[in-house]
Amino acid sequence: QALAEGIRLFDEDAFVHIKESQDDDFWEII
């Protein structure tokens, strides 16, 4: 979420997708 907010500082219309990883306990962000 913090990384997504950082990207939105440069583009408030950015598309950010966050989901649980299928491989481990991490969260993936695109």
Full PDB file with SEQRES, HELIX, SHEET, SSBOND, CRYST1, ORIGX, SCALE, CONECT and MASTER records, all heavy atoms in Angstrom:
SEQRES   1 A   30  GLN ALA LEU ALA GLU GLY ILE ARG LEU PHE ASP GLU ASP          
SEQRES   2 A   30  ALA PHE VAL HIS ILE LYS GLU SER GLN ASP ASP ASP PHE          
SEQRES   3 A   30  TRP GLU ILE ILE                                              
HELIX    1 AA1 ALA A    2  PHE A   10  1                                   9    
SHEET    1 AA1 2 ILE A  18  GLU A  20  0                                        
SHEET    2 AA1 2 TRP A  27  ILE A  29 -1                                        
CRYST1    1.000    1.000    1.000  90.00  90.00  90.00 P 1           1          
ORIGX1      1.000000  0.000000  0.000000        0.00000                         
ORIGX2      0.000000  1.000000  0.000000        0.00000                         
ORIGX3      0.000000  0.000000  1.000000        0.00000                         
SCALE1      1.000000  0.000000  0.000000        0.00000                         
SCALE2      0.000000  1.000000  0.000000        0.00000                         
SCALE3      0.000000  0.000000  1.000000        0.00000                         
ATOM      1  N   GLN A   1       0.832  -1.206   0.000  1.00  0.00           N  
ATOM      2  CA  GLN A   1       0.000   0.000   0.000  1.00  0.00           C  
ATOM      3  C   GLN A   1       0.868   1.258   0.000  1.00  0.00           C  
ATOM      4  O   GLN A   1       0.579   2.219  -0.709  1.00  0.00           O  
ATOM      5  CB  GLN A   1      -0.918  -0.041   1.217  1.00  0.00           C  
ATOM      6  CG  GLN A   1      -2.095   0.871   1.158  1.00  0.00           C  
ATOM      7  CD  GLN A   1      -3.055   0.559   0.039  1.00  0.00           C  
ATOM      8  OE1 GLN A   1      -3.120  -0.527  -0.508  1.00  0.00           O  
ATOM      9  NE2 GLN A   1      -3.790   1.567  -0.343  1.00  0.00           N  
ATOM     10  N   ALA A   2       1.944   1.257   0.768  1.00  0.00           N  
ATOM     11  CA  ALA A   2       2.842   2.418   0.821  1.00  0.00           C  
ATOM     12  C   ALA A   2       3.521   2.648  -0.532  1.00  0.00           C  
ATOM     13  O   ALA A   2       3.650   3.796  -0.975  1.00  0.00           O  
ATOM     14  CB  ALA A   2       3.891   2.217   1.912  1.00  0.00           C  
ATOM     15  N   LEU A   3       3.938   1.570  -1.196  1.00  0.00           N  
ATOM     16  CA  LEU A   3       4.544   1.709  -2.521  1.00  0.00           C  
ATOM     17  C   LEU A   3       3.527   2.248  -3.521  1.00  0.00           C  
ATOM     18  O   LEU A   3       3.852   3.092  -4.373  1.00  0.00           O  
ATOM     19  CB  LEU A   3       5.111   0.378  -2.994  1.00  0.00           C  
ATOM     20  CG  LEU A   3       6.379  -0.083  -2.280  1.00  0.00           C  
ATOM     21  CD1 LEU A   3       6.673  -1.537  -2.613  1.00  0.00           C  
ATOM     22  CD2 LEU A   3       7.554   0.798  -2.649  1.00  0.00           C  
ATOM     23  N   ALA A   4       2.293   1.784  -3.440  1.00  0.00           N  
ATOM     24  CA  ALA A   4       1.233   2.275  -4.323  1.00  0.00           C  
ATOM     25  C   ALA A   4       1.022   3.779  -4.123  1.00  0.00           C  
ATOM     26  O   ALA A   4       0.887   4.529  -5.098  1.00  0.00           O  
ATOM     27  CB  ALA A   4      -0.060   1.516  -4.068  1.00  0.00           C  
ATOM     28  N   GLU A   5       1.009   4.215  -2.878  1.00  0.00           N  
ATOM     29  CA  GLU A   5       0.848   5.646  -2.593  1.00  0.00           C  
ATOM     30  C   GLU A   5       2.014   6.446  -3.163  1.00  0.00           C  
ATOM     31  O   GLU A   5       1.822   7.555  -3.670  1.00  0.00           O  
ATOM     32  CB  GLU A   5       0.736   5.874  -1.090  1.00  0.00           C  
ATOM     33  CG  GLU A   5      -0.565   5.380  -0.501  1.00  0.00           C  
ATOM     34  CD  GLU A   5      -0.607   5.472   1.019  1.00  0.00           C  
ATOM     35  OE1 GLU A   5       0.233   6.185   1.607  1.00  0.00           O  
ATOM     36  OE2 GLU A   5      -1.481   4.820   1.605  1.00  0.00           O  
ATOM     37  N   GLY A   6       3.223   5.884  -3.104  1.00  0.00           N  
ATOM     38  CA  GLY A   6       4.386   6.547  -3.677  1.00  0.00           C  
ATOM     39  C   GLY A   6       4.267   6.730  -5.177  1.00  0.00           C  
ATOM     40  O   GLY A   6       4.580   7.797  -5.713  1.00  0.00           O  
ATOM     41  N   ILE A   7       3.797   5.702  -5.869  1.00  0.00           N  
ATOM     42  CA  ILE A   7       3.600   5.805  -7.322  1.00  0.00           C  
ATOM     43  C   ILE A   7       2.544   6.852  -7.630  1.00  0.00           C  
ATOM     44  O   ILE A   7       2.681   7.637  -8.572  1.00  0.00           O  
ATOM     45  CB  ILE A   7       3.189   4.434  -7.916  1.00  0.00           C  
ATOM     46  CG1 ILE A   7       4.346   3.437  -7.798  1.00  0.00           C  
ATOM     47  CG2 ILE A   7       2.712   4.571  -9.355  1.00  0.00           C  
ATOM     48  CD1 ILE A   7       5.578   3.801  -8.593  1.00  0.00           C  
ATOM     49  N   ARG A   8       1.494   6.897  -6.826  1.00  0.00           N  
ATOM     50  CA  ARG A   8       0.408   7.853  -7.083  1.00  0.00           C  
ATOM     51  C   ARG A   8       0.813   9.302  -6.823  1.00  0.00           C  
ATOM     52  O   ARG A   8       0.101  10.215  -7.228  1.00  0.00           O  
ATOM     53  CB  ARG A   8      -0.825   7.467  -6.287  1.00  0.00           C  
ATOM     54  CG  ARG A   8      -1.464   6.199  -6.861  1.00  0.00           C  
ATOM     55  CD  ARG A   8      -2.861   5.969  -6.332  1.00  0.00           C  
ATOM     56  NE  ARG A   8      -3.469   4.851  -7.008  1.00  0.00           N  
ATOM     57  CZ  ARG A   8      -3.731   3.677  -6.418  1.00  0.00           C  
ATOM     58  NH1 ARG A   8      -3.457   3.484  -5.150  1.00  0.00           N  
ATOM     59  NH2 ARG A   8      -4.292   2.712  -7.119  1.00  0.00           N  
ATOM     60  N   LEU A   9       1.952   9.507  -6.179  1.00  0.00           N  
ATOM     61  CA  LEU A   9       2.467  10.876  -6.049  1.00  0.00           C  
ATOM     62  C   LEU A   9       2.876  11.423  -7.413  1.00  0.00           C  
ATOM     63  O   LEU A   9       2.829  12.628  -7.645  1.00  0.00           O  
ATOM     64  CB  LEU A   9       3.671  10.914  -5.106  1.00  0.00           C  
ATOM     65  CG  LEU A   9       3.398  10.661  -3.638  1.00  0.00           C  
ATOM     66  CD1 LEU A   9       4.716  10.594  -2.865  1.00  0.00           C  
ATOM     67  CD2 LEU A   9       2.496  11.749  -3.058  1.00  0.00           C  
ATOM     68  N   PHE A  10       3.288  10.528  -8.305  1.00  0.00           N  
ATOM     69  CA  PHE A  10       3.733  10.925  -9.641  1.00  0.00           C  
ATOM     70  C   PHE A  10       2.622  10.835 -10.675  1.00  0.00           C  
ATOM     71  O   PHE A  10       2.670  11.501 -11.694  1.00  0.00           O  
ATOM     72  CB  PHE A  10       4.916  10.062 -10.080  1.00  0.00           C  
ATOM     73  CG  PHE A  10       6.109  10.221  -9.184  1.00  0.00           C  
ATOM     74  CD1 PHE A  10       6.349   9.335  -8.150  1.00  0.00           C  
ATOM     75  CD2 PHE A  10       6.985  11.276  -9.362  1.00  0.00           C  
ATOM     76  CE1 PHE A  10       7.444   9.482  -7.313  1.00  0.00           C  
ATOM     77  CE2 PHE A  10       8.082  11.442  -8.528  1.00  0.00           C  
ATOM     78  CZ  PHE A  10       8.314  10.547  -7.493  1.00  0.00           C  
ATOM     79  N   ASP A  11       1.634   9.962 -10.441  1.00  0.00           N  
ATOM     80  CA  ASP A  11       0.491   9.826 -11.352  1.00  0.00           C  
ATOM     81  C   ASP A  11      -0.722   9.409 -10.532  1.00  0.00           C  
ATOM     82  O   ASP A  11      -0.864   8.244 -10.157  1.00  0.00           O  
ATOM     83  CB  ASP A  11       0.774   8.787 -12.436  1.00  0.00           C  
ATOM     84  CG  ASP A  11      -0.405   8.594 -13.399  1.00  0.00           C  
ATOM     85  OD1 ASP A  11      -1.406   9.327 -13.289  1.00  0.00           O  
ATOM     86  OD2 ASP A  11      -0.316   7.698 -14.254  1.00  0.00           O  
ATOM     87  N   GLU A  12      -1.588  10.364 -10.247  1.00  0.00           N  
ATOM     88  CA  GLU A  12      -2.750  10.068  -9.410  1.00  0.00           C  
ATOM     89  C   GLU A  12      -3.733   9.116 -10.084  1.00  0.00           C  
ATOM     90  O   GLU A  12      -4.576   8.518  -9.416  1.00  0.00           O  
ATOM     91  CB  GLU A  12      -3.449  11.356  -8.980  1.00  0.00           C  
ATOM     92  CG  GLU A  12      -4.023  12.155 -10.116  1.00  0.00           C  
ATOM     93  CD  GLU A  12      -4.596  13.495  -9.681  1.00  0.00           C  
ATOM     94  OE1 GLU A  12      -4.072  14.086  -8.736  1.00  0.00           O  
ATOM     95  OE2 GLU A  12      -5.567  13.938 -10.316  1.00  0.00           O  
ATOM     96  N   ASP A  13      -3.608   8.934 -11.400  1.00  0.00           N  
ATOM     97  CA  ASP A  13      -4.485   8.019 -12.133  1.00  0.00           C  
ATOM     98  C   ASP A  13      -3.829   6.663 -12.388  1.00  0.00           C  
ATOM     99  O   ASP A  13      -4.327   5.870 -13.192  1.00  0.00           O  
ATOM    100  CB  ASP A  13      -4.888   8.637 -13.474  1.00  0.00           C  
ATOM    101  CG  ASP A  13      -5.699   9.911 -13.287  1.00  0.00           C  
ATOM    102  OD1 ASP A  13      -6.516   9.957 -12.339  1.00  0.00           O  
ATOM    103  OD2 ASP A  13      -5.512  10.855 -14.072  1.00  0.00           O  
ATOM    104  N   ALA A  14      -2.729   6.385 -11.703  1.00  0.00           N  
ATOM    105  CA  ALA A  14      -2.024   5.116 -11.887  1.00  0.00           C  
ATOM    106  C   ALA A  14      -2.945   3.939 -11.566  1.00  0.00           C  
ATOM    107  O   ALA A  14      -3.790   4.020 -10.670  1.00  0.00           O  
ATOM    108  CB  ALA A  14      -0.790   5.066 -10.990  1.00  0.00           C  
ATOM    109  N   PHE A  15      -2.772   2.853 -12.309  1.00  0.00           N  
ATOM    110  CA  PHE A  15      -3.473   1.612 -12.026  1.00  0.00           C  
ATOM    111  C   PHE A  15      -2.542   0.757 -11.178  1.00  0.00           C  
ATOM    112  O   PHE A  15      -1.442   0.415 -11.616  1.00  0.00           O  
ATOM    113  CB  PHE A  15      -3.838   0.872 -13.322  1.00  0.00           C  
ATOM    114  CG  PHE A  15      -4.428  -0.485 -13.079  1.00  0.00           C  
ATOM    115  CD1 PHE A  15      -5.752  -0.610 -12.708  1.00  0.00           C  
ATOM    116  CD2 PHE A  15      -3.658  -1.624 -13.209  1.00  0.00           C  
ATOM    117  CE1 PHE A  15      -6.297  -1.871 -12.484  1.00  0.00           C  
ATOM    118  CE2 PHE A  15      -4.189  -2.879 -12.984  1.00  0.00           C  
ATOM    119  CZ  PHE A  15      -5.516  -3.007 -12.612  1.00  0.00           C  
ATOM    120  N   VAL A  16      -2.968   0.426  -9.966  1.00  0.00           N  
ATOM    121  CA  VAL A  16      -2.141  -0.377  -9.061  1.00  0.00           C  
ATOM    122  C   VAL A  16      -2.936  -1.594  -8.631  1.00  0.00           C  
ATOM    123  O   VAL A  16      -4.070  -1.468  -8.133  1.00  0.00           O  
ATOM    124  CB  VAL A  16      -1.702   0.442  -7.827  1.00  0.00           C  
ATOM    125  CG1 VAL A  16      -0.852  -0.412  -6.909  1.00  0.00           C  
ATOM    126  CG2 VAL A  16      -0.941   1.697  -8.246  1.00  0.00           C  
ATOM    127  N   HIS A  17      -2.352  -2.764  -8.850  1.00  0.00           N  
ATOM    128  CA  HIS A  17      -3.000  -4.027  -8.483  1.00  0.00           C  
ATOM    129  C   HIS A  17      -2.157  -4.697  -7.398  1.00  0.00           C  
ATOM    130  O   HIS A  17      -0.959  -4.916  -7.591  1.00  0.00           O  
ATOM    131  CB  HIS A  17      -3.118  -4.936  -9.709  1.00  0.00           C  
ATOM    132  CG  HIS A  17      -3.784  -6.236  -9.425  1.00  0.00           C  
ATOM    133  ND1 HIS A  17      -5.115  -6.335  -9.135  1.00  0.00           N  
ATOM    134  CD2 HIS A  17      -3.290  -7.494  -9.376  1.00  0.00           C  
ATOM    135  CE1 HIS A  17      -5.417  -7.599  -8.924  1.00  0.00           C  
ATOM    136  NE2 HIS A  17      -4.323  -8.324  -9.056  1.00  0.00           N  
ATOM    137  N   ILE A  18      -2.788  -5.007  -6.267  1.00  0.00           N  
ATOM    138  CA  ILE A  18      -2.111  -5.679  -5.158  1.00  0.00           C  
ATOM    139  C   ILE A  18      -2.829  -7.000  -4.918  1.00  0.00           C  
ATOM    140  O   ILE A  18      -4.066  -7.026  -4.828  1.00  0.00           O  
ATOM    141  CB  ILE A  18      -2.150  -4.821  -3.876  1.00  0.00           C  
ATOM    142  CG1 ILE A  18      -1.448  -3.484  -4.100  1.00  0.00           C  
ATOM    143  CG2 ILE A  18      -1.517  -5.580  -2.710  1.00  0.00           C  
ATOM    144  CD1 ILE A  18      -1.613  -2.494  -2.953  1.00  0.00           C  
ATOM    145  N   LYS A  19      -2.059  -8.079  -4.829  1.00  0.00           N  
ATOM    146  CA  LYS A  19      -2.667  -9.390  -4.561  1.00  0.00           C  
ATOM    147  C   LYS A  19      -1.704 -10.258  -3.763  1.00  0.00           C  
ATOM    148  O   LYS A  19      -0.489 -10.024  -3.757  1.00  0.00           O  
ATOM    149  CB  LYS A  19      -3.039 -10.096  -5.857  1.00  0.00           C  
ATOM    150  CG  LYS A  19      -1.851 -10.541  -6.676  1.00  0.00           C  
ATOM    151  CD  LYS A  19      -2.263 -11.389  -7.862  1.00  0.00           C  
ATOM    152  CE  LYS A  19      -1.024 -11.997  -8.502  1.00  0.00           C  
ATOM    153  NZ  LYS A  19      -1.302 -13.152  -9.262  1.00  0.00           N  
ATOM    154  N   GLU A  20      -2.246 -11.255  -3.093  1.00  0.00           N  
ATOM    155  CA  GLU A  20      -1.411 -12.205  -2.361  1.00  0.00           C  
ATOM    156  C   GLU A  20      -0.653 -13.071  -3.362  1.00  0.00           C  
ATOM    157  O   GLU A  20      -1.209 -13.507  -4.363  1.00  0.00           O  
ATOM    158  CB  GLU A  20      -2.262 -13.103  -1.474  1.00  0.00           C  
ATOM    159  CG  GLU A  20      -2.790 -12.413  -0.245  1.00  0.00           C  
ATOM    160  CD  GLU A  20      -3.561 -13.364   0.645  1.00  0.00           C  
ATOM    161  OE1 GLU A  20      -2.928 -14.003   1.499  1.00  0.00           O  
ATOM    162  OE2 GLU A  20      -4.787 -13.447   0.453  1.00  0.00           O  
ATOM    163  N   SER A  21       0.605 -13.332  -3.071  1.00  0.00           N  
ATOM    164  CA  SER A  21       1.422 -14.188  -3.925  1.00  0.00           C  
ATOM    165  C   SER A  21       0.931 -15.625  -3.837  1.00  0.00           C  
ATOM    166  O   SER A  21       0.517 -16.091  -2.774  1.00  0.00           O  
ATOM    167  CB  SER A  21       2.890 -14.112  -3.484  1.00  0.00           C  
ATOM    168  OG  SER A  21       3.655 -15.045  -4.214  1.00  0.00           O  
ATOM    169  N   GLN A  22       1.000 -16.335  -4.933  1.00  0.00           N  
ATOM    170  CA  GLN A  22       0.641 -17.749  -4.962  1.00  0.00           C  
ATOM    171  C   GLN A  22       1.814 -18.624  -4.512  1.00  0.00           C  
ATOM    172  O   GLN A  22       1.636 -19.799  -4.227  1.00  0.00           O  
ATOM    173  CB  GLN A  22       0.208 -18.151  -6.381  1.00  0.00           C  
ATOM    174  CG  GLN A  22      -1.005 -17.399  -6.878  1.00  0.00           C  
ATOM    175  CD  GLN A  22      -2.239 -17.663  -6.042  1.00  0.00           C  
ATOM    176  OE1 GLN A  22      -2.561 -18.800  -5.735  1.00  0.00           O  
ATOM    177  NE2 GLN A  22      -2.931 -16.602  -5.644  1.00  0.00           N  
ATOM    178  N   ASP A  23       3.012 -18.043  -4.456  1.00  0.00           N  
ATOM    179  CA  ASP A  23       4.225 -18.801  -4.153  1.00  0.00           C  
ATOM    180  C   ASP A  23       4.641 -18.762  -2.692  1.00  0.00           C  
ATOM    181  O   ASP A  23       5.267 -19.686  -2.191  1.00  0.00           O  
ATOM    182  CB  ASP A  23       5.393 -18.296  -5.008  1.00  0.00           C  
ATOM    183  CG  ASP A  23       5.097 -18.412  -6.494  1.00  0.00           C  
ATOM    184  OD1 ASP A  23       4.433 -19.376  -6.896  1.00  0.00           O  
ATOM    185  OD2 ASP A  23       5.528 -17.514  -7.240  1.00  0.00           O  
ATOM    186  N   ASP A  24       4.332 -17.669  -1.997  1.00  0.00           N  
ATOM    187  CA  ASP A  24       4.785 -17.506  -0.609  1.00  0.00           C  
ATOM    188  C   ASP A  24       3.849 -16.539   0.115  1.00  0.00           C  
ATOM    189  O   ASP A  24       2.758 -16.256  -0.369  1.00  0.00           O  
ATOM    190  CB  ASP A  24       6.241 -17.028  -0.564  1.00  0.00           C  
ATOM    191  CG  ASP A  24       6.497 -15.803  -1.426  1.00  0.00           C  
ATOM    192  OD1 ASP A  24       5.540 -15.031  -1.673  1.00  0.00           O  
ATOM    193  OD2 ASP A  24       7.643 -15.595  -1.847  1.00  0.00           O  
ATOM    194  N   ASP A  25       4.268 -16.042   1.256  1.00  0.00           N  
ATOM    195  CA  ASP A  25       3.423 -15.150   2.065  1.00  0.00           C  
ATOM    196  C   ASP A  25       3.573 -13.680   1.698  1.00  0.00           C  
ATOM    197  O   ASP A  25       3.154 -12.813   2.452  1.00  0.00           O  
ATOM    198  CB  ASP A  25       3.751 -15.331   3.549  1.00  0.00           C  
ATOM    199  CG  ASP A  25       3.339 -16.698   4.060  1.00  0.00           C  
ATOM    200  OD1 ASP A  25       2.409 -17.292   3.483  1.00  0.00           O  
ATOM    201  OD2 ASP A  25       3.941 -17.167   5.045  1.00  0.00           O  
ATOM    202  N   PHE A  26       4.176 -13.388   0.575  1.00  0.00           N  
ATOM    203  CA  PHE A  26       4.389 -12.008   0.152  1.00  0.00           C  
ATOM    204  C   PHE A  26       3.141 -11.466  -0.548  1.00  0.00           C  
ATOM    205  O   PHE A  26       2.222 -12.193  -0.876  1.00  0.00           O  
ATOM    206  CB  PHE A  26       5.587 -11.940  -0.801  1.00  0.00           C  
ATOM    207  CG  PHE A  26       6.913 -11.879  -0.107  1.00  0.00           C  
ATOM    208  CD1 PHE A  26       7.283 -12.806   0.857  1.00  0.00           C  
ATOM    209  CD2 PHE A  26       7.824 -10.889  -0.433  1.00  0.00           C  
ATOM    210  CE1 PHE A  26       8.504 -12.746   1.488  1.00  0.00           C  
ATOM    211  CE2 PHE A  26       9.055 -10.811   0.200  1.00  0.00           C  
ATOM    212  CZ  PHE A  26       9.393 -11.744   1.156  1.00  0.00           C  
ATOM    213  N   TRP A  27       3.159 -10.165  -0.746  1.00  0.00           N  
ATOM    214  CA  TRP A  27       2.117  -9.464  -1.499  1.00  0.00           C  
ATOM    215  C   TRP A  27       2.740  -8.923  -2.773  1.00  0.00           C  
ATOM    216  O   TRP A  27       3.796  -8.296  -2.732  1.00  0.00           O  
ATOM    217  CB  TRP A  27       1.539  -8.320  -0.668  1.00  0.00           C  
ATOM    218  CG  TRP A  27       0.713  -8.827   0.471  1.00  0.00           C  
ATOM    219  CD1 TRP A  27       1.173  -9.233   1.689  1.00  0.00           C  
ATOM    220  CD2 TRP A  27      -0.690  -9.016   0.480  1.00  0.00           C  
ATOM    221  NE1 TRP A  27       0.128  -9.661   2.464  1.00  0.00           N  
ATOM    222  CE2 TRP A  27      -1.036  -9.537   1.743  1.00  0.00           C  
ATOM    223  CE3 TRP A  27      -1.699  -8.798  -0.456  1.00  0.00           C  
ATOM    224  CZ2 TRP A  27      -2.341  -9.832   2.091  1.00  0.00           C  
ATOM    225  CZ3 TRP A  27      -3.002  -9.090  -0.096  1.00  0.00           C  
ATOM    226  CH2 TRP A  27      -3.313  -9.609   1.151  1.00  0.00           C  
ATOM    227  N   GLU A  28       2.104  -9.169  -3.896  1.00  0.00           N  
ATOM    228  CA  GLU A  28       2.605  -8.692  -5.193  1.00  0.00           C  
ATOM    229  C   GLU A  28       1.899  -7.394  -5.559  1.00  0.00           C  
ATOM    230  O   GLU A  28       0.701  -7.246  -5.356  1.00  0.00           O  
ATOM    231  CB  GLU A  28       2.355  -9.743  -6.265  1.00  0.00           C  
ATOM    232  CG  GLU A  28       3.119 -11.019  -6.030  1.00  0.00           C  
ATOM    233  CD  GLU A  28       2.852 -12.084  -7.069  1.00  0.00           C  
ATOM    234  OE1 GLU A  28       2.000 -11.884  -7.962  1.00  0.00           O  
ATOM    235  OE2 GLU A  28       3.500 -13.147  -6.980  1.00  0.00           O  
ATOM    236  N   ILE A  29       2.676  -6.482  -6.090  1.00  0.00           N  
ATOM    237  CA  ILE A  29       2.125  -5.204  -6.548  1.00  0.00           C  
ATOM    238  C   ILE A  29       2.598  -4.951  -7.975  1.00  0.00           C  
ATOM    239  O   ILE A  29       3.773  -5.110  -8.287  1.00  0.00           O  
ATOM    240  CB  ILE A  29       2.528  -4.034  -5.607  1.00  0.00           C  
ATOM    241  CG1 ILE A  29       2.058  -2.687  -6.183  1.00  0.00           C  
ATOM    242  CG2 ILE A  29       4.003  -4.010  -5.336  1.00  0.00           C  
ATOM    243  CD1 ILE A  29       2.294  -1.499  -5.269  1.00  0.00           C  
ATOM    244  N   ILE A  30       1.657  -4.596  -8.812  1.00  0.00           N  
ATOM    245  CA  ILE A  30       1.953  -4.179 -10.190  1.00  0.00           C  
ATOM    246  C   ILE A  30       1.395  -2.771 -10.340  1.00  0.00           C  
ATOM    247  O   ILE A  30       0.218  -2.524 -10.059  1.00  0.00           O  
ATOM    248  CB  ILE A  30       1.281  -5.100 -11.232  1.00  0.00           C  
ATOM    249  CG1 ILE A  30       1.737  -6.545 -11.067  1.00  0.00           C  
ATOM    250  CG2 ILE A  30       1.538  -4.587 -12.646  1.00  0.00           C  
ATOM    251  CD1 ILE A  30       3.190  -6.802 -11.354  1.00  0.00           C  
TER     252      ILE A  30                                                      
MASTER        0    0    0    1    2    0    0    6  251    1    0    3          
END                                                                             
